Amino acid sequence: MKAMKEEISKITAEGSSGAGLVSVTLNGEYQVQKFSINPVIIEKSEKDTMEVLIQSAFNDASQKIKKISEEFMMRELQNSGLGGVKN
């Protein structure tokens, strides 16, 4: 299971919206690796700040989801009687 998690963490995927005006690249742990906004939709002076803020917000949300998911899986394991299993 540990090897599978390590392999998943190496995966990357790029998502986009607005016909490519906004794009984000995530790794297998849902962490933002790259985020970009086409300057056509914002003023150039705000572009860098917006990218950093959106990236940070996304990472914060993904960490919260990860924590909730882990807690959920632990409850499910305990409810199924497999709570003593360790990876």
N, C-alpha and C. Protein backbone atom coordinates (compact mmCIF):
# COMPACT_ATOMS: atom_id res chain seq x y z
N MET A 1 0.82 -1.19 0.00
CA MET A 1 0.00 0.00 0.00
C MET A 1 0.87 1.26 0.00
N LYS A 2 2.00 1.22 0.72
CA LYS A 2 2.89 2.37 0.76
C LYS A 2 3.46 2.66 -0.62
N ALA A 3 3.85 1.62 -1.34
CA ALA A 3 4.39 1.80 -2.69
C ALA A 3 3.34 2.40 -3.62
N MET A 4 2.09 1.98 -3.47
CA MET A 4 1.02 2.50 -4.29
C MET A 4 0.82 4.00 -4.01
N LYS A 5 0.85 4.39 -2.74
CA LYS A 5 0.70 5.80 -2.39
C LYS A 5 1.84 6.63 -2.97
N GLU A 6 3.06 6.10 -2.94
CA GLU A 6 4.21 6.81 -3.51
C GLU A 6 4.06 7.00 -5.01
N GLU A 7 3.57 5.97 -5.69
CA GLU A 7 3.35 6.07 -7.13
C GLU A 7 2.27 7.09 -7.46
N ILE A 8 1.20 7.06 -6.70
CA ILE A 8 0.10 8.01 -6.92
C ILE A 8 0.59 9.44 -6.72
N SER A 9 1.45 9.66 -5.74
CA SER A 9 1.94 11.02 -5.46
C SER A 9 2.74 11.60 -6.62
N LYS A 10 3.25 10.75 -7.51
CA LYS A 10 4.06 11.21 -8.65
C LYS A 10 3.21 11.60 -9.87
N ILE A 11 1.94 11.23 -9.84
CA ILE A 11 1.05 11.53 -10.96
C ILE A 11 0.78 13.03 -11.00
N THR A 12 0.70 13.58 -12.21
CA THR A 12 0.28 14.98 -12.37
C THR A 12 -0.83 15.05 -13.39
N ALA A 13 -1.68 16.06 -13.22
CA ALA A 13 -2.77 16.30 -14.17
C ALA A 13 -3.00 17.79 -14.27
N GLU A 14 -3.29 18.26 -15.47
CA GLU A 14 -3.58 19.67 -15.68
C GLU A 14 -5.05 19.84 -16.00
N GLY A 15 -5.67 20.79 -15.31
CA GLY A 15 -7.05 21.14 -15.60
C GLY A 15 -7.09 22.56 -16.10
N SER A 16 -8.08 22.87 -16.91
CA SER A 16 -8.19 24.24 -17.41
C SER A 16 -9.65 24.64 -17.50
N SER A 17 -9.86 25.95 -17.59
CA SER A 17 -11.21 26.48 -17.75
C SER A 17 -11.14 27.74 -18.58
N GLY A 18 -12.30 28.18 -19.03
CA GLY A 18 -12.34 29.41 -19.82
C GLY A 18 -11.54 29.31 -21.09
N ALA A 19 -11.65 28.18 -21.78
CA ALA A 19 -10.90 27.95 -23.02
C ALA A 19 -9.41 28.17 -22.83
N GLY A 20 -8.90 27.73 -21.68
CA GLY A 20 -7.46 27.82 -21.42
C GLY A 20 -7.03 29.10 -20.74
N LEU A 21 -7.97 29.96 -20.36
CA LEU A 21 -7.59 31.21 -19.70
C LEU A 21 -7.06 30.97 -18.28
N VAL A 22 -7.52 29.89 -17.63
CA VAL A 22 -7.06 29.53 -16.31
C VAL A 22 -6.65 28.06 -16.35
N SER A 23 -5.48 27.75 -15.78
CA SER A 23 -5.06 26.35 -15.72
C SER A 23 -4.39 26.05 -14.39
N VAL A 24 -4.51 24.79 -13.98
CA VAL A 24 -3.90 24.34 -12.72
C VAL A 24 -3.35 22.93 -12.95
N THR A 25 -2.17 22.68 -12.40
CA THR A 25 -1.56 21.36 -12.45
C THR A 25 -1.45 20.84 -11.03
N LEU A 26 -2.00 19.63 -10.78
CA LEU A 26 -1.97 19.01 -9.46
C LEU A 26 -1.13 17.75 -9.49
N ASN A 27 -0.58 17.40 -8.32
CA ASN A 27 0.07 16.10 -8.20
C ASN A 27 -0.93 15.11 -7.62
N GLY A 28 -0.53 13.88 -7.46
CA GLY A 28 -1.42 12.83 -6.97
C GLY A 28 -1.90 13.02 -5.55
N GLU A 29 -1.33 13.97 -4.85
CA GLU A 29 -1.77 14.29 -3.49
C GLU A 29 -2.65 15.54 -3.48
N TYR A 30 -3.13 15.93 -4.65
CA TYR A 30 -4.02 17.08 -4.83
C TYR A 30 -3.36 18.41 -4.47
N GLN A 31 -2.05 18.47 -4.54
CA GLN A 31 -1.32 19.70 -4.29
C GLN A 31 -1.08 20.42 -5.61
N VAL A 32 -1.28 21.74 -5.60
CA VAL A 32 -1.07 22.54 -6.79
C VAL A 32 0.43 22.62 -7.08
N GLN A 33 0.80 22.23 -8.28
CA GLN A 33 2.18 22.33 -8.73
C GLN A 33 2.40 23.58 -9.57
N LYS A 34 1.37 23.96 -10.30
CA LYS A 34 1.44 25.15 -11.16
C LYS A 34 0.03 25.69 -11.33
N PHE A 35 -0.05 27.00 -11.34
CA PHE A 35 -1.34 27.66 -11.54
C PHE A 35 -1.10 28.87 -12.41
N SER A 36 -1.94 29.10 -13.41
CA SER A 36 -1.76 30.28 -14.23
C SER A 36 -3.09 30.87 -14.66
N ILE A 37 -3.08 32.19 -14.79
CA ILE A 37 -4.23 32.94 -15.28
C ILE A 37 -3.74 33.77 -16.46
N ASN A 38 -4.41 33.67 -17.57
CA ASN A 38 -4.05 34.47 -18.73
C ASN A 38 -4.28 35.95 -18.39
N PRO A 39 -3.28 36.78 -18.59
CA PRO A 39 -3.42 38.19 -18.22
C PRO A 39 -4.52 38.93 -18.97
N VAL A 40 -5.08 38.33 -19.98
CA VAL A 40 -6.18 38.95 -20.71
C VAL A 40 -7.37 39.19 -19.77
N ILE A 41 -7.55 38.33 -18.76
CA ILE A 41 -8.73 38.44 -17.91
C ILE A 41 -8.50 39.27 -16.65
N ILE A 42 -7.27 39.68 -16.38
CA ILE A 42 -6.98 40.53 -15.22
C ILE A 42 -5.91 41.54 -15.58
N GLU A 43 -5.76 42.52 -14.72
CA GLU A 43 -4.68 43.47 -14.94
C GLU A 43 -3.35 42.81 -14.60
N LYS A 44 -2.34 43.08 -15.37
CA LYS A 44 -1.04 42.45 -15.20
C LYS A 44 -0.49 42.60 -13.79
N SER A 45 -0.68 43.75 -13.17
CA SER A 45 -0.12 43.99 -11.85
C SER A 45 -0.71 43.08 -10.77
N GLU A 46 -1.89 42.54 -11.00
CA GLU A 46 -2.55 41.67 -10.02
C GLU A 46 -2.33 40.19 -10.29
N LYS A 47 -1.81 39.84 -11.45
CA LYS A 47 -1.70 38.46 -11.89
C LYS A 47 -0.93 37.59 -10.89
N ASP A 48 0.28 37.96 -10.51
CA ASP A 48 1.10 37.14 -9.63
C ASP A 48 0.45 36.94 -8.27
N THR A 49 -0.11 38.00 -7.72
CA THR A 49 -0.77 37.90 -6.42
C THR A 49 -1.97 36.97 -6.49
N MET A 50 -2.78 37.09 -7.52
CA MET A 50 -3.95 36.23 -7.67
C MET A 50 -3.54 34.77 -7.79
N GLU A 51 -2.52 34.48 -8.55
CA GLU A 51 -2.07 33.10 -8.74
C GLU A 51 -1.64 32.49 -7.41
N VAL A 52 -0.86 33.21 -6.63
CA VAL A 52 -0.39 32.70 -5.35
C VAL A 52 -1.55 32.48 -4.38
N LEU A 53 -2.47 33.44 -4.32
CA LEU A 53 -3.60 33.31 -3.41
C LEU A 53 -4.50 32.14 -3.78
N ILE A 54 -4.77 31.96 -5.05
CA ILE A 54 -5.62 30.85 -5.48
C ILE A 54 -4.92 29.52 -5.24
N GLN A 55 -3.63 29.45 -5.52
CA GLN A 55 -2.87 28.23 -5.27
C GLN A 55 -2.91 27.88 -3.79
N SER A 56 -2.69 28.84 -2.94
CA SER A 56 -2.69 28.60 -1.50
C SER A 56 -4.06 28.16 -1.01
N ALA A 57 -5.10 28.78 -1.50
CA ALA A 57 -6.46 28.40 -1.10
C ALA A 57 -6.78 26.98 -1.54
N PHE A 58 -6.37 26.64 -2.74
CA PHE A 58 -6.63 25.28 -3.23
C PHE A 58 -5.87 24.26 -2.38
N ASN A 59 -4.61 24.54 -2.07
CA ASN A 59 -3.83 23.62 -1.25
C ASN A 59 -4.43 23.47 0.14
N ASP A 60 -4.93 24.55 0.71
CA ASP A 60 -5.56 24.50 2.01
C ASP A 60 -6.79 23.61 1.97
N ALA A 61 -7.62 23.79 0.97
CA ALA A 61 -8.82 22.98 0.83
C ALA A 61 -8.48 21.51 0.60
N SER A 62 -7.47 21.24 -0.21
CA SER A 62 -7.13 19.85 -0.49
C SER A 62 -6.58 19.15 0.76
N GLN A 63 -5.85 19.88 1.61
CA GLN A 63 -5.37 19.29 2.86
C GLN A 63 -6.54 18.96 3.79
N LYS A 64 -7.53 19.82 3.83
CA LYS A 64 -8.70 19.56 4.66
C LYS A 64 -9.46 18.34 4.15
N ILE A 65 -9.59 18.23 2.83
CA ILE A 65 -10.26 17.06 2.25
C ILE A 65 -9.48 15.80 2.56
N LYS A 66 -8.18 15.87 2.44
CA LYS A 66 -7.33 14.71 2.73
C LYS A 66 -7.53 14.25 4.18
N LYS A 67 -7.54 15.20 5.11
CA LYS A 67 -7.71 14.86 6.52
C LYS A 67 -9.08 14.24 6.76
N ILE A 68 -10.11 14.83 6.19
CA ILE A 68 -11.47 14.30 6.35
C ILE A 68 -11.56 12.90 5.75
N SER A 69 -10.94 12.70 4.59
CA SER A 69 -10.96 11.39 3.93
C SER A 69 -10.26 10.34 4.78
N GLU A 70 -9.12 10.70 5.35
CA GLU A 70 -8.39 9.75 6.19
C GLU A 70 -9.20 9.38 7.44
N GLU A 71 -9.83 10.37 8.05
CA GLU A 71 -10.67 10.11 9.21
C GLU A 71 -11.85 9.20 8.84
N PHE A 72 -12.43 9.47 7.68
CA PHE A 72 -13.54 8.64 7.20
C PHE A 72 -13.08 7.20 6.99
N MET A 73 -11.94 7.01 6.33
CA MET A 73 -11.45 5.66 6.06
C MET A 73 -11.15 4.92 7.37
N MET A 74 -10.59 5.63 8.36
CA MET A 74 -10.30 4.99 9.64
C MET A 74 -11.60 4.55 10.33
N ARG A 75 -12.62 5.41 10.30
CA ARG A 75 -13.91 5.02 10.89
C ARG A 75 -14.49 3.81 10.19
N GLU A 76 -14.39 3.79 8.85
CA GLU A 76 -14.92 2.66 8.09
C GLU A 76 -14.18 1.37 8.43
N LEU A 77 -12.85 1.48 8.56
CA LEU A 77 -12.07 0.29 8.93
C LEU A 77 -12.46 -0.20 10.32
N GLN A 78 -12.61 0.72 11.25
CA GLN A 78 -12.99 0.34 12.60
C GLN A 78 -14.39 -0.28 12.62
N ASN A 79 -15.30 0.28 11.86
CA ASN A 79 -16.66 -0.26 11.80
C ASN A 79 -16.71 -1.63 11.15
N SER A 80 -15.76 -1.91 10.26
CA SER A 80 -15.75 -3.21 9.58
C SER A 80 -14.98 -4.27 10.37
N GLY A 81 -14.42 -3.86 11.50
CA GLY A 81 -13.66 -4.81 12.32
C GLY A 81 -12.21 -4.92 11.92
N LEU A 82 -11.75 -4.09 10.98
CA LEU A 82 -10.36 -4.13 10.54
C LEU A 82 -9.54 -3.00 11.14
N GLY A 83 -10.02 -2.38 12.19
CA GLY A 83 -9.37 -1.23 12.79
C GLY A 83 -7.97 -1.50 13.30
N GLY A 84 -7.65 -2.75 13.59
CA GLY A 84 -6.32 -3.09 14.09
C GLY A 84 -5.29 -3.28 13.01
N VAL A 85 -5.71 -3.26 11.74
CA VAL A 85 -4.80 -3.46 10.62
C VAL A 85 -3.97 -2.20 10.43
N LYS A 86 -2.67 -2.38 10.31
CA LYS A 86 -1.76 -1.24 10.09
C LYS A 86 -1.04 -1.46 8.77
N ASN A 87 -0.74 -0.32 8.06
CA ASN A 87 -0.02 -0.43 6.78
C ASN A 87 1.42 -0.12 6.97
